[in-house]
Amino acid sequence: MEIRTYLEEKRTVIDEALDRYLPSEGEYPPQIYRAMRYSIFAGGKRLRPILVIAGAEAVGDRKENVLPVACAIELIHTYSLIHDDLPSMDNDDYRRGKASSHKVFGEALAILTGDALLTEAFQLLSNKKNFIDPDPHQLIEIIHEIALSTGHAGMIGGQVVDIDSEGKEVEISTLEYIHTHKTGTMITVSVRTGAKLGGGSSEEIELLTKYGEKIGLAFQVIDDILDAQEGRENREEKGGGDLKKRKITYPAFLGMKRSRKKAAELIGEATSFLKSFGQRAEPLREIARYIKEQEQ
């Protein structure tokens, strides 16, 4: 399959759904809705919501209730980026080549915008009107898993350790904790919730969970590689200044050659968990290969 066509088609579907779900800028108070929409539609590959859809496709293609969950995960991801960019956190002036939320709307409104997107995500997840014949027990389970992956046991915990580790000498186990929690948990829960919504069996869900864990770590290892490569100085201008902030990275621990080998091994392990799914999991296989291609 042509993965770039697949990604673009799914991104269009997700963007259209996000546009429907988010309040318009004409509602009061307009400044919060302008700020929410500014960051949501500032670009990005929509990898996490696409993984929700691909996870559902891998187990049976039951997609009628996937979009609200996919969009909620994108709202959560965007909120985390807004807060990451704040002066008190990573202090990045640019995100995806555009001015960060706090540079456009001010720090106070940027904080509130992140809060609003996070809250809107759970409003979206908990509103049964957004789903066709919803299973309330399944929705509660999915809301719980997403909250767990987002909070102190997941993304927030990873961010806390990331901040605490800046400029320090730490063990590689700490770096792996940061990557698997700050980035990996949201990628894993995207595939996992898609599989649940698609009607996957417990065995299928477990296999796709392992796939998600491997590509989640691979994604961040490759991002470390990109930050460390020569000629990537412009990533700092676009919000990727890990070297400047003395953040710990895989190339710093392993060197570039071993980091690339690590990423390739993770991608290989990820795709090995898809053998029993046949053609239905081809988008997930291609997404894994697409992630690997980014560092070439």
Protein backbone atom coordinates (compact mmCIF):
# COMPACT_ATOMS: atom_id res chain seq x y z
CA MET A 1 0.00 0.00 0.00
CA GLU A 2 1.03 3.63 -0.46
CA ILE A 3 1.42 4.75 3.15
CA ARG A 4 1.57 8.47 2.40
CA THR A 5 -1.79 8.29 0.61
CA TYR A 6 -3.26 6.36 3.54
CA LEU A 7 -1.93 8.86 6.08
CA GLU A 8 -3.22 11.84 4.10
CA GLU A 9 -6.67 10.29 3.66
CA LYS A 10 -6.97 9.52 7.37
CA ARG A 11 -5.60 12.92 8.34
CA THR A 12 -8.33 14.60 6.26
CA VAL A 13 -11.02 12.50 7.96
CA ILE A 14 -9.64 13.39 11.40
CA ASP A 15 -9.32 17.10 10.62
CA GLU A 16 -12.92 17.22 9.41
CA ALA A 17 -14.08 15.50 12.59
CA LEU A 18 -12.02 17.85 14.79
CA ASP A 19 -13.58 20.81 13.01
CA ARG A 20 -17.06 19.43 13.80
CA TYR A 21 -16.31 18.64 17.42
CA LEU A 22 -14.56 21.89 18.40
CA PRO A 23 -16.64 25.00 19.15
CA SER A 24 -16.40 27.71 16.50
CA GLU A 25 -14.45 30.93 16.99
CA GLY A 26 -17.75 32.80 16.92
CA GLU A 27 -18.79 31.44 20.32
CA TYR A 28 -18.14 33.39 23.52
CA PRO A 29 -15.46 33.90 24.76
CA PRO A 30 -13.93 33.83 21.26
CA GLN A 31 -10.28 34.11 22.33
CA ILE A 32 -10.21 30.62 23.91
CA TYR A 33 -11.75 29.02 20.82
CA ARG A 34 -9.35 30.87 18.52
CA ALA A 35 -6.44 29.63 20.61
CA MET A 36 -7.75 26.04 20.71
CA ARG A 37 -8.24 25.94 16.96
CA TYR A 38 -4.90 27.66 16.29
CA SER A 39 -2.94 24.85 17.94
CA ILE A 40 -5.16 22.00 16.75
CA PHE A 41 -4.90 23.07 13.12
CA ALA A 42 -1.27 24.22 13.22
CA GLY A 43 -0.13 21.10 11.39
CA GLY A 44 1.13 17.73 12.50
CA LYS A 45 0.88 14.22 11.07
CA ARG A 46 -2.04 13.07 13.28
CA LEU A 47 -0.08 9.88 13.99
CA ARG A 48 -1.87 9.02 17.24
CA PRO A 49 -5.46 9.30 15.96
CA ILE A 50 -4.46 7.48 12.77
CA LEU A 51 -3.13 4.64 14.95
CA VAL A 52 -6.55 4.45 16.63
CA ILE A 53 -8.16 3.95 13.22
CA ALA A 54 -5.49 1.49 12.05
CA GLY A 55 -5.82 -0.48 15.28
CA ALA A 56 -9.55 -0.87 14.67
CA GLU A 57 -8.95 -1.88 11.06
CA ALA A 58 -6.48 -4.56 12.12
CA VAL A 59 -9.12 -6.43 14.13
CA GLY A 60 -12.17 -6.09 11.92
CA ASP A 61 -12.74 -2.64 10.45
CA ARG A 62 -15.53 -1.60 12.83
CA LYS A 63 -14.87 2.14 12.72
CA GLU A 64 -18.22 3.71 13.58
CA ASN A 65 -17.14 4.65 17.13
CA VAL A 66 -13.47 5.26 16.47
CA LEU A 67 -13.42 8.94 15.44
CA PRO A 68 -14.48 10.49 18.78
CA VAL A 69 -11.73 8.56 20.57
CA ALA A 70 -9.16 9.34 17.86
CA CYS A 71 -9.98 13.05 18.08
CA ALA A 72 -9.91 13.04 21.89
CA ILE A 73 -6.39 11.61 21.82
CA GLU A 74 -5.31 14.33 19.38
CA LEU A 75 -6.78 17.00 21.69
CA ILE A 76 -4.77 15.55 24.58
CA HIS A 77 -1.60 15.41 22.49
CA THR A 78 -2.03 19.04 21.42
CA TYR A 79 -2.62 20.18 25.00
CA SER A 80 0.64 18.50 26.02
CA LEU A 81 2.56 20.30 23.25
CA ILE A 82 1.17 23.71 24.29
CA HIS A 83 2.25 23.15 27.87
CA ASP A 84 5.62 21.68 26.83
CA ASP A 85 6.41 24.88 24.91
CA LEU A 86 5.75 27.21 27.85
CA PRO A 87 8.65 29.30 29.25
CA SER A 88 8.45 27.38 32.53
CA MET A 89 8.84 24.06 30.66
CA ASP A 90 10.82 23.68 27.40
CA ASN A 91 10.57 27.40 26.51
CA ASP A 92 10.11 26.84 22.76
CA ASP A 93 8.99 29.75 20.59
CA TYR A 94 7.99 27.59 17.62
CA ARG A 95 5.98 24.44 17.09
CA ARG A 96 5.71 22.78 13.68
CA GLY A 97 7.23 25.85 12.08
CA LYS A 98 4.65 28.23 13.58
CA ALA A 99 4.79 30.47 16.64
CA SER A 100 3.94 28.59 19.82
CA SER A 101 0.61 29.26 21.50
CA HIS A 102 2.10 31.39 24.27
CA LYS A 103 3.92 33.57 21.71
CA VAL A 104 0.65 34.29 19.90
CA PHE A 105 -1.88 34.45 22.74
CA GLY A 106 0.22 35.05 25.84
CA GLU A 107 1.29 32.63 28.54
CA ALA A 108 -1.90 32.77 30.62
CA LEU A 109 -4.21 31.98 27.70
CA ALA A 110 -1.84 29.26 26.47
CA ILE A 111 -2.13 27.51 29.85
CA LEU A 112 -5.90 27.82 29.76
CA THR A 113 -5.98 26.59 26.15
CA GLY A 114 -4.11 23.44 27.11
CA ASP A 115 -6.48 22.96 30.04
CA ALA A 116 -9.48 23.48 27.77
CA LEU A 117 -8.27 20.93 25.19
CA LEU A 118 -7.62 18.31 27.86
CA THR A 119 -11.05 18.86 29.38
CA GLU A 120 -12.71 18.86 25.96
CA ALA A 121 -11.13 15.49 25.21
CA PHE A 122 -12.86 13.85 28.17
CA GLN A 123 -16.10 15.66 27.40
CA LEU A 124 -15.90 14.16 23.93
CA LEU A 125 -15.16 10.69 25.29
CA SER A 126 -17.94 10.74 27.88
CA ASN A 127 -20.75 12.09 25.66
CA LYS A 128 -22.71 9.05 24.48
CA LYS A 129 -24.28 11.15 21.69
CA ASN A 130 -20.92 11.00 19.90
CA PHE A 131 -21.16 7.21 19.57
CA ILE A 132 -23.42 4.80 17.69
CA ASP A 133 -25.00 2.28 20.09
CA PRO A 134 -22.21 2.75 22.64
CA ASP A 135 -21.23 0.08 25.15
CA PRO A 136 -21.03 2.09 28.41
CA HIS A 137 -18.74 -0.42 30.09
CA GLN A 138 -16.31 -0.31 27.18
CA LEU A 139 -16.35 3.51 27.11
CA ILE A 140 -15.58 3.69 30.83
CA GLU A 141 -12.71 1.26 30.30
CA ILE A 142 -11.33 3.32 27.42
CA ILE A 143 -11.67 6.60 29.34
CA HIS A 144 -9.82 4.99 32.26
CA GLU A 145 -6.99 3.75 30.02
CA ILE A 146 -6.56 7.11 28.32
CA ALA A 147 -6.57 8.94 31.67
CA LEU A 148 -3.97 6.50 33.02
CA SER A 149 -1.75 6.99 29.96
CA THR A 150 -2.09 10.78 30.17
CA GLY A 151 -1.55 11.28 33.90
CA HIS A 152 1.16 10.80 36.50
CA ALA A 153 1.59 7.11 35.62
CA GLY A 154 2.10 7.95 31.95
CA MET A 155 2.79 11.12 29.97
CA ILE A 156 2.95 13.51 32.95
CA GLY A 157 5.26 11.18 34.86
CA GLY A 158 7.59 11.04 31.86
CA GLN A 159 7.61 14.82 31.59
CA VAL A 160 8.41 15.20 35.30
CA VAL A 161 11.43 12.88 35.04
CA ASP A 162 12.48 14.60 31.79
CA ILE A 163 12.55 18.00 33.47
CA ASP A 164 14.28 16.64 36.55
CA SER A 165 16.99 14.97 34.42
CA GLU A 166 18.03 18.02 32.37
CA GLY A 167 21.76 18.64 32.65
CA LYS A 168 22.31 15.59 34.90
CA GLU A 169 24.12 12.31 34.38
CA VAL A 170 21.52 9.57 34.63
CA GLU A 171 21.23 5.88 33.79
CA ILE A 172 19.88 4.71 30.43
CA SER A 173 16.97 3.16 32.35
CA THR A 174 15.91 6.70 33.26
CA LEU A 175 16.03 7.73 29.61
CA GLU A 176 13.91 4.72 28.66
CA TYR A 177 11.41 5.61 31.39
CA ILE A 178 11.13 9.14 29.99
CA HIS A 179 10.61 7.97 26.43
CA THR A 180 8.19 5.14 27.19
CA HIS A 181 6.08 7.37 29.44
CA LYS A 182 6.27 10.86 27.95
CA THR A 183 5.77 9.65 24.37
CA GLY A 184 5.23 5.90 24.32
CA THR A 185 2.16 5.54 26.51
CA MET A 186 -0.01 7.75 24.29
CA ILE A 187 1.10 5.91 21.17
CA THR A 188 0.40 2.55 22.81
CA VAL A 189 -3.02 3.56 24.10
CA SER A 190 -3.94 4.84 20.64
CA VAL A 191 -3.42 1.43 19.04
CA ARG A 192 -4.91 -0.38 22.03
CA THR A 193 -8.14 1.64 22.20
CA GLY A 194 -8.56 1.28 18.44
CA ALA A 195 -8.32 -2.50 18.81
CA LYS A 196 -10.89 -2.47 21.60
CA LEU A 197 -13.29 -0.29 19.63
CA GLY A 198 -12.84 -2.55 16.62
CA GLY A 199 -13.98 -5.56 18.61
CA GLY A 200 -10.57 -7.21 19.00
CA SER A 201 -10.12 -10.32 21.11
CA SER A 202 -8.02 -10.19 24.28
CA GLU A 203 -5.17 -11.91 22.40
CA GLU A 204 -5.37 -9.43 19.51
CA ILE A 205 -5.43 -6.47 21.89
CA GLU A 206 -2.36 -7.79 23.72
CA LEU A 207 -0.41 -8.24 20.48
CA LEU A 208 -1.30 -4.74 19.31
CA THR A 209 -0.36 -3.35 22.73
CA LYS A 210 3.12 -4.85 22.32
CA TYR A 211 3.31 -3.38 18.80
CA GLY A 212 2.40 0.04 20.20
CA GLU A 213 5.00 -0.16 22.94
CA LYS A 214 7.77 -0.94 20.44
CA ILE A 215 6.89 1.78 17.91
CA GLY A 216 6.34 4.26 20.74
CA LEU A 217 9.93 3.85 21.90
CA ALA A 218 11.24 3.66 18.32
CA PHE A 219 9.48 6.96 17.53
CA GLN A 220 11.36 8.75 20.29
CA VAL A 221 14.72 7.09 19.60
CA ILE A 222 14.44 8.31 16.00
CA ASP A 223 13.48 11.78 17.21
CA ASP A 224 16.66 11.77 19.32
CA ILE A 225 18.65 10.78 16.23
CA LEU A 226 17.15 13.61 14.22
CA ASP A 227 18.01 16.11 16.95
CA ALA A 228 21.59 14.89 17.05
CA GLN A 229 22.24 14.76 13.31
CA GLU A 230 24.46 17.36 11.70
CA GLY A 231 22.54 20.03 9.84
CA ARG A 232 19.47 19.77 12.09
CA GLU A 233 20.14 23.08 13.87
CA ASN A 234 16.91 24.50 12.51
CA ARG A 235 15.00 22.04 14.73
CA GLU A 236 15.78 24.37 17.63
CA GLU A 237 14.06 27.20 15.81
CA LYS A 238 11.05 24.94 15.24
CA GLY A 239 10.82 23.71 18.78
CA GLY A 240 13.31 20.84 18.98
CA GLY A 241 16.27 22.15 20.97
CA ASP A 242 17.11 19.08 23.05
CA LEU A 243 20.85 19.64 22.66
CA LYS A 244 20.55 23.24 23.79
CA LYS A 245 18.61 22.16 26.91
CA ARG A 246 21.07 19.33 27.66
CA LYS A 247 18.34 16.73 27.58
CA ILE A 248 19.45 13.12 27.70
CA THR A 249 19.11 11.23 24.42
CA TYR A 250 19.87 7.82 22.95
CA PRO A 251 22.74 9.09 20.74
CA ALA A 252 24.33 10.62 23.83
CA PHE A 253 24.29 7.20 25.52
CA LEU A 254 24.80 4.82 22.60
CA GLY A 255 26.19 6.90 19.76
CA MET A 256 24.52 7.32 16.38
CA LYS A 257 25.31 3.88 14.96
CA ARG A 258 23.96 1.93 17.94
CA SER A 259 20.96 4.26 18.21
CA ARG A 260 20.03 3.56 14.59
CA LYS A 261 20.43 -0.16 15.25
CA LYS A 262 18.20 0.16 18.33
CA ALA A 263 15.49 1.91 16.30
CA ALA A 264 15.66 -0.74 13.57
CA GLU A 265 15.40 -3.53 16.14
CA LEU A 266 12.37 -1.92 17.76
CA ILE A 267 10.62 -1.55 14.40
CA GLY A 268 11.38 -5.18 13.56
CA GLU A 269 10.02 -6.34 16.91
CA ALA A 270 6.91 -4.22 16.45
CA THR A 271 6.03 -5.70 13.07
CA SER A 272 6.66 -9.24 14.37
CA PHE A 273 3.60 -8.87 16.58
CA LEU A 274 1.41 -8.34 13.49
CA LYS A 275 2.04 -11.69 11.78
CA SER A 276 -1.30 -13.23 12.76
CA PHE A 277 -3.35 -10.25 11.48
CA GLY A 278 -2.67 -10.72 7.79
CA GLN A 279 -3.53 -7.96 5.34
CA ARG A 280 -5.75 -6.11 7.83
CA ALA A 281 -2.65 -4.92 9.70
CA GLU A 282 -0.83 -3.65 6.61
CA PRO A 283 -1.40 0.01 7.58
CA LEU A 284 0.23 -0.67 10.97
CA ARG A 285 3.20 -2.36 9.28
CA GLU A 286 3.61 0.55 6.89
CA ILE A 287 3.31 3.09 9.70
CA ALA A 288 6.17 1.33 11.53
CA ARG A 289 8.32 1.45 8.38
CA TYR A 290 7.33 5.08 7.83
CA ILE A 291 8.53 5.97 11.34
CA LYS A 292 11.85 4.25 10.62
CA GLU A 293 12.27 6.15 7.34
CA GLN A 294 12.19 9.50 9.11
CA GLU A 295 15.79 9.15 10.30
CA GLN A 296 17.21 8.27 6.89
